[in-house]
Amino acid sequence: MAKIVGIGACVFDTLYNVPTYPKEDTKMRATSCKPAGGGPTATGLVAAQKLGESAAYIGVLSDDNGGAFLKKDFEAYGVATDLVEIKSGYRSFTSVLWLSADSTARTCVFDKGNLPPLSLSEAQRQAVREAALLMVDGNELEAAVEAAIIAKEAGTKVLYDCGGLYEGVAALLAQTDIMIPSEEFAIGHTGATTAEEAARKLYDLYSPEIVVVTQGKRGGLIYDGESLSYYPIYPAEVKDSNGSGDVFHGAFAAGVVKGYGYEKCCHFASAVSAMKCMGVGARESVPRFEAVKAYMKENGYEL
């Protein structure tokens, strides 16, 4: 079975590269357009697999064009799909993204589709028990909470990519070992005024092993209940920032499975995310492990 399993959003993206963001009620010619797989947990699993750790997606996909693409995309990167249920007659979770060359930012418009929620089978539950780590992102919340409870009972680590402030996420936060919120989520959920205060509040509320607050271009911070420290970003000539956070979480998961301490996982994930941003495509630009080691050494950090 896979060392890393994941439950969460799996999205059929259409990526438009544009010179700059267009004004309202105008036309602009894109420099390129292509389909791609997306979603926080789904892309994180691809990153972990490319970094050398076996991964499997647990979820529901449609048999429409989007779902067929997503399944094939997982398989192209080696992510196992035997725990995926295919449903007929439903609309996939889709999004359209504009990637601006001028600002290196991205704008996303999405449609969540109408697939029924994931209901865990016994095979999916057993995969969670046998994994080293479960990744979740707040989507498929009911199934994610059930899986996290199973994981805790079995000794499987639970890593939560806390991005969306969804209703009911406290139940998932309570089952989390490795809590990685964005600064926006951390402050929004706790009502704190700083990321540091938010990290402490999250730790006190939910007692995870570690809280890692991501702060985009500023790197981020780590809090273990006693000491607070910071990790840096790594240098990158950014071509495409879309999916960089998803890749960070997947790389962090891979680092945990490799046996790294949490501070080293932060450096590793930050480096992988930076390298991904130097290419186009959230998944195809994720580097292989040996390339990451070399890049980190060039930048003064030995794995």
Protein backbone atom coordinates (compact mmCIF):
# COMPACT_ATOMS: atom_id res chain seq x y z
CA MET A 1 0.00 0.00 0.00
CA ALA A 2 1.00 3.64 -0.46
CA LYS A 3 3.00 5.39 2.28
CA ILE A 4 1.02 8.61 1.75
CA VAL A 5 -2.72 8.67 1.10
CA GLY A 6 -4.84 11.76 0.56
CA ILE A 7 -8.45 12.92 0.74
CA GLY A 8 -9.45 16.30 -0.66
CA ALA A 9 -10.09 18.39 -3.74
CA CYS A 10 -9.13 17.07 -7.18
CA VAL A 11 -9.69 19.72 -9.84
CA PHE A 12 -9.59 19.81 -13.63
CA ASP A 13 -7.78 23.09 -14.33
CA THR A 14 -7.53 25.05 -17.54
CA LEU A 15 -4.48 27.33 -17.44
CA TYR A 16 -4.28 30.51 -19.50
CA ASN A 17 -0.96 32.31 -19.61
CA VAL A 18 -1.58 36.03 -20.23
CA PRO A 19 0.78 39.04 -20.51
CA THR A 20 -1.11 40.89 -17.77
CA TYR A 21 -4.58 40.84 -16.28
CA PRO A 22 -7.14 42.18 -18.77
CA LYS A 23 -9.46 45.03 -18.00
CA GLU A 24 -13.16 44.29 -17.62
CA ASP A 25 -15.19 44.05 -20.84
CA THR A 26 -12.13 43.72 -23.09
CA LYS A 27 -10.48 40.94 -25.09
CA MET A 28 -6.95 39.62 -24.76
CA ARG A 29 -5.04 36.90 -26.57
CA ALA A 30 -3.45 34.31 -24.27
CA THR A 31 0.14 33.29 -24.91
CA SER A 32 -0.76 29.67 -24.19
CA CYS A 33 -3.55 27.46 -22.84
CA LYS A 34 -3.49 23.91 -21.51
CA PRO A 35 -5.38 21.51 -19.22
CA ALA A 36 -3.83 20.38 -15.95
CA GLY A 37 -4.64 18.49 -12.77
CA GLY A 38 -5.12 20.58 -9.64
CA GLY A 39 -6.42 20.63 -6.08
CA PRO A 40 -4.43 20.94 -2.83
CA THR A 41 -4.26 17.32 -1.71
CA ALA A 42 -4.27 15.92 -5.25
CA THR A 43 -1.30 18.02 -6.34
CA GLY A 44 0.44 17.39 -3.03
CA LEU A 45 0.22 13.65 -3.67
CA VAL A 46 1.81 14.08 -7.09
CA ALA A 47 4.62 16.10 -5.52
CA ALA A 48 5.26 13.43 -2.89
CA GLN A 49 5.30 10.70 -5.55
CA LYS A 50 7.75 12.63 -7.73
CA LEU A 51 9.98 13.08 -4.69
CA GLY A 52 10.19 9.33 -4.25
CA GLU A 53 7.41 8.44 -1.79
CA SER A 54 4.50 6.22 -2.88
CA ALA A 55 1.14 8.01 -2.89
CA ALA A 56 -2.53 7.17 -3.48
CA TYR A 57 -5.65 9.31 -3.88
CA ILE A 58 -8.84 8.37 -2.03
CA GLY A 59 -11.86 10.04 -3.61
CA VAL A 60 -14.68 10.25 -6.11
CA LEU A 61 -14.23 11.28 -9.74
CA SER A 62 -16.71 11.67 -12.57
CA ASP A 63 -16.57 9.74 -15.83
CA ASP A 64 -16.80 13.01 -17.79
CA ASN A 65 -13.86 14.49 -19.70
CA GLY A 66 -12.52 16.24 -16.61
CA GLY A 67 -12.64 13.12 -14.46
CA ALA A 68 -11.02 10.98 -17.16
CA PHE A 69 -8.20 13.52 -17.47
CA LEU A 70 -7.64 13.63 -13.71
CA LYS A 71 -7.43 9.86 -13.36
CA LYS A 72 -5.02 9.58 -16.29
CA ASP A 73 -2.93 12.45 -14.91
CA PHE A 74 -2.54 10.73 -11.54
CA GLU A 75 -1.48 7.54 -13.29
CA ALA A 76 1.03 9.39 -15.48
CA TYR A 77 2.83 10.55 -12.34
CA GLY A 78 2.58 7.19 -10.58
CA VAL A 79 -0.08 8.12 -8.01
CA ALA A 80 -2.25 5.06 -7.35
CA THR A 81 -5.93 5.32 -8.33
CA ASP A 82 -7.24 1.94 -7.16
CA LEU A 83 -8.94 3.72 -4.23
CA VAL A 84 -10.83 6.11 -6.54
CA GLU A 85 -14.55 5.58 -7.16
CA ILE A 86 -15.78 6.61 -10.62
CA LYS A 87 -19.34 7.99 -10.81
CA SER A 88 -21.39 8.37 -13.99
CA GLY A 89 -23.57 11.32 -14.88
CA TYR A 90 -21.90 13.95 -12.68
CA ARG A 91 -19.97 17.15 -13.37
CA SER A 92 -16.32 17.36 -12.31
CA PHE A 93 -14.79 20.00 -10.06
CA THR A 94 -13.25 22.43 -12.60
CA SER A 95 -11.43 25.75 -12.62
CA VAL A 96 -10.03 28.32 -15.02
CA LEU A 97 -6.80 30.09 -14.04
CA TRP A 98 -5.17 33.20 -15.46
CA LEU A 99 -1.40 33.26 -14.94
CA SER A 100 -0.05 36.78 -15.34
CA ALA A 101 3.47 37.14 -16.73
CA ASP A 102 3.55 40.77 -15.56
CA SER A 103 2.82 40.16 -11.86
CA THR A 104 3.63 36.39 -11.64
CA ALA A 105 0.30 36.08 -9.79
CA ARG A 106 -2.67 33.87 -10.61
CA THR A 107 -6.43 34.33 -10.52
CA CYS A 108 -8.78 31.36 -10.26
CA VAL A 109 -12.49 30.95 -11.01
CA PHE A 110 -13.88 27.53 -10.08
CA ASP A 111 -17.00 25.38 -10.24
CA LYS A 112 -17.15 22.62 -7.59
CA GLY A 113 -19.31 20.43 -9.83
CA ASN A 114 -21.97 18.12 -8.40
CA LEU A 115 -20.23 14.89 -7.47
CA PRO A 116 -21.67 13.17 -4.38
CA PRO A 117 -19.53 13.28 -1.23
CA LEU A 118 -16.98 10.57 -0.55
CA SER A 119 -18.21 7.72 1.65
CA LEU A 120 -15.26 5.63 2.82
CA SER A 121 -15.19 1.95 1.87
CA GLU A 122 -13.46 -0.64 4.02
CA ALA A 123 -10.62 -0.81 1.48
CA GLN A 124 -10.12 2.95 1.77
CA ARG A 125 -10.19 2.78 5.57
CA GLN A 126 -7.59 0.02 5.53
CA ALA A 127 -5.37 2.05 3.22
CA VAL A 128 -5.41 4.85 5.82
CA ARG A 129 -4.49 2.40 8.59
CA GLU A 130 -1.57 1.03 6.58
CA ALA A 131 -0.20 4.40 5.43
CA ALA A 132 2.53 6.36 7.15
CA LEU A 133 0.73 9.67 6.55
CA LEU A 134 -2.73 10.94 5.61
CA MET A 135 -3.02 14.28 3.79
CA VAL A 136 -6.26 16.29 3.98
CA ASP A 137 -7.25 19.79 2.85
CA GLY A 138 -10.70 20.45 4.33
CA ASN A 139 -12.61 19.30 1.25
CA GLU A 140 -14.63 16.06 1.58
CA LEU A 141 -14.80 17.12 5.23
CA GLU A 142 -16.95 14.34 6.67
CA ALA A 143 -14.85 11.59 5.09
CA ALA A 144 -11.64 13.42 6.00
CA VAL A 145 -12.63 13.59 9.68
CA GLU A 146 -13.52 9.89 9.70
CA ALA A 147 -10.22 9.02 8.03
CA ALA A 148 -8.27 11.23 10.44
CA ILE A 149 -9.83 9.47 13.44
CA ILE A 150 -8.90 6.10 11.90
CA ALA A 151 -5.39 7.39 11.25
CA LYS A 152 -4.92 8.55 14.83
CA GLU A 153 -6.01 5.15 16.14
CA ALA A 154 -3.62 3.36 13.76
CA GLY A 155 -0.60 5.60 14.32
CA THR A 156 -0.80 7.19 10.87
CA LYS A 157 0.27 10.85 10.92
CA VAL A 158 -2.37 13.38 9.81
CA LEU A 159 -1.17 16.41 7.82
CA TYR A 160 -3.79 19.11 7.28
CA ASP A 161 -3.28 21.68 4.51
CA CYS A 162 -5.40 24.41 6.14
CA GLY A 163 -6.34 26.77 3.33
CA GLY A 164 -10.10 27.27 3.23
CA LEU A 165 -12.05 28.53 6.25
CA TYR A 166 -14.77 25.92 5.77
CA GLU A 167 -17.57 25.43 8.27
CA GLY A 168 -16.86 22.53 10.61
CA VAL A 169 -13.08 22.38 10.18
CA ALA A 170 -12.54 22.39 13.95
CA ALA A 171 -13.42 18.67 13.97
CA LEU A 172 -10.58 18.02 11.50
CA LEU A 173 -8.13 20.33 13.25
CA ALA A 174 -8.72 18.34 16.45
CA GLN A 175 -7.40 15.18 14.73
CA THR A 176 -4.36 16.82 13.14
CA ASP A 177 -0.74 16.01 13.95
CA ILE A 178 0.93 18.30 11.41
CA MET A 179 -1.02 21.55 11.02
CA ILE A 180 0.07 23.72 8.08
CA PRO A 181 -2.24 26.73 7.74
CA SER A 182 -1.78 29.73 5.52
CA GLU A 183 -1.34 32.95 7.45
CA GLU A 184 -4.82 33.99 6.28
CA PHE A 185 -6.39 30.80 7.66
CA ALA A 186 -4.47 30.95 10.94
CA ILE A 187 -5.48 34.54 11.67
CA GLY A 188 -9.02 34.10 10.35
CA HIS A 189 -9.70 30.96 12.39
CA THR A 190 -8.22 32.23 15.65
CA GLY A 191 -8.98 35.95 15.50
CA ALA A 192 -5.32 36.67 16.28
CA THR A 193 -3.60 39.81 15.02
CA THR A 194 -0.28 38.20 14.04
CA ALA A 195 0.83 34.88 12.59
CA GLU A 196 2.90 34.20 15.71
CA GLU A 197 -0.08 34.69 18.01
CA ALA A 198 -2.25 32.59 15.69
CA ALA A 199 0.25 29.71 15.74
CA ARG A 200 0.25 29.67 19.53
CA LYS A 201 -3.54 29.79 19.66
CA LEU A 202 -3.88 26.92 17.18
CA TYR A 203 -1.46 24.83 19.20
CA ASP A 204 -3.25 25.56 22.47
CA LEU A 205 -6.67 24.83 20.96
CA TYR A 206 -5.89 21.57 19.13
CA SER A 207 -2.58 20.18 20.51
CA PRO A 208 -0.94 19.08 17.24
CA GLU A 209 2.70 18.00 17.17
CA ILE A 210 3.62 21.06 15.12
CA VAL A 211 2.08 24.21 13.64
CA VAL A 212 3.70 25.57 10.46
CA VAL A 213 2.25 28.87 9.22
CA THR A 214 3.01 29.58 5.56
CA GLN A 215 3.55 33.24 4.64
CA GLY A 216 4.10 33.13 0.89
CA LYS A 217 7.07 35.21 -0.26
CA ARG A 218 8.13 35.72 3.38
CA GLY A 219 8.67 32.02 4.07
CA GLY A 220 6.92 31.01 7.27
CA LEU A 221 7.13 30.08 10.93
CA ILE A 222 7.25 26.91 13.03
CA TYR A 223 5.80 26.47 16.53
CA ASP A 224 6.10 23.26 18.56
CA GLY A 225 4.43 24.39 21.78
CA GLU A 226 7.67 25.71 23.26
CA SER A 227 9.84 27.48 20.72
CA LEU A 228 8.99 29.54 17.68
CA SER A 229 11.33 29.76 14.69
CA TYR A 230 11.23 30.79 11.04
CA TYR A 231 12.08 29.15 7.72
CA PRO A 232 13.11 31.03 4.55
CA ILE A 233 12.00 31.02 0.95
CA TYR A 234 14.55 29.79 -1.57
CA PRO A 235 15.59 31.87 -4.60
CA ALA A 236 13.57 31.40 -7.76
CA GLU A 237 12.92 33.20 -11.04
CA VAL A 238 9.17 32.74 -10.91
CA LYS A 239 7.37 31.68 -14.08
CA ASP A 240 4.26 30.10 -12.55
CA SER A 241 3.27 30.34 -8.88
CA ASN A 242 0.04 28.36 -9.27
CA GLY A 243 0.02 25.32 -7.00
CA SER A 244 3.16 26.30 -5.09
CA GLY A 245 1.38 25.93 -1.74
CA ASP A 246 0.00 22.51 -2.72
CA VAL A 247 3.49 21.41 -3.69
CA PHE A 248 4.86 22.72 -0.38
CA HIS A 249 2.45 20.48 1.54
CA GLY A 250 3.21 17.45 -0.60
CA ALA A 251 6.94 17.96 -0.21
CA PHE A 252 6.51 18.38 3.54
CA ALA A 253 4.64 15.06 3.64
CA ALA A 254 7.43 13.41 1.67
CA GLY A 255 9.98 14.85 4.10
CA VAL A 256 8.10 13.44 7.08
CA VAL A 257 8.00 9.98 5.49
CA LYS A 258 11.73 10.24 4.72
CA GLY A 259 12.31 10.74 8.45
CA TYR A 260 13.25 14.44 8.46
CA GLY A 261 12.61 16.59 11.52
CA TYR A 262 9.98 19.26 11.11
CA GLU A 263 12.43 22.14 10.64
CA LYS A 264 14.22 20.21 7.89
CA CYS A 265 10.81 19.41 6.34
CA CYS A 266 10.12 23.16 6.16
CA HIS A 267 13.40 23.83 4.35
CA PHE A 268 12.86 20.89 2.02
CA ALA A 269 9.28 21.91 1.20
CA SER A 270 10.27 25.54 0.69
CA ALA A 271 13.03 24.52 -1.73
CA VAL A 272 10.76 22.18 -3.69
CA SER A 273 8.09 24.88 -3.94
CA ALA A 274 10.63 27.41 -5.22
CA MET A 275 11.92 24.98 -7.85
CA LYS A 276 8.37 24.25 -8.97
CA CYS A 277 7.78 28.00 -9.52
CA MET A 278 10.65 28.14 -11.99
CA GLY A 279 8.66 25.99 -14.43
CA VAL A 280 5.12 26.10 -15.80
CA GLY A 281 2.56 23.68 -14.41
CA ALA A 282 1.88 22.85 -10.78
CA ARG A 283 2.61 19.15 -11.24
CA GLU A 284 4.95 18.82 -14.18
CA SER A 285 7.38 21.37 -12.69
CA VAL A 286 7.86 19.52 -9.39
CA PRO A 287 11.52 18.47 -9.32
CA ARG A 288 12.90 15.03 -8.55
CA PHE A 289 14.59 14.36 -5.22
CA GLU A 290 18.21 14.42 -6.40
CA ALA A 291 17.68 17.77 -8.11
CA VAL A 292 16.29 19.19 -4.86
CA LYS A 293 19.31 17.99 -2.89
CA ALA A 294 21.65 19.67 -5.37
CA TYR A 295 19.65 22.92 -5.39
CA MET A 296 19.57 23.08 -1.59
CA LYS A 297 23.31 22.45 -1.39
CA GLU A 298 23.90 25.27 -3.87
CA ASN A 299 21.92 27.51 -1.52
CA GLY A 300 23.79 26.53 1.63
CA TYR A 301 21.56 23.79 3.09
CA GLU A 302 22.54 20.12 3.30
CA LEU A 303 19.79 17.51 3.56
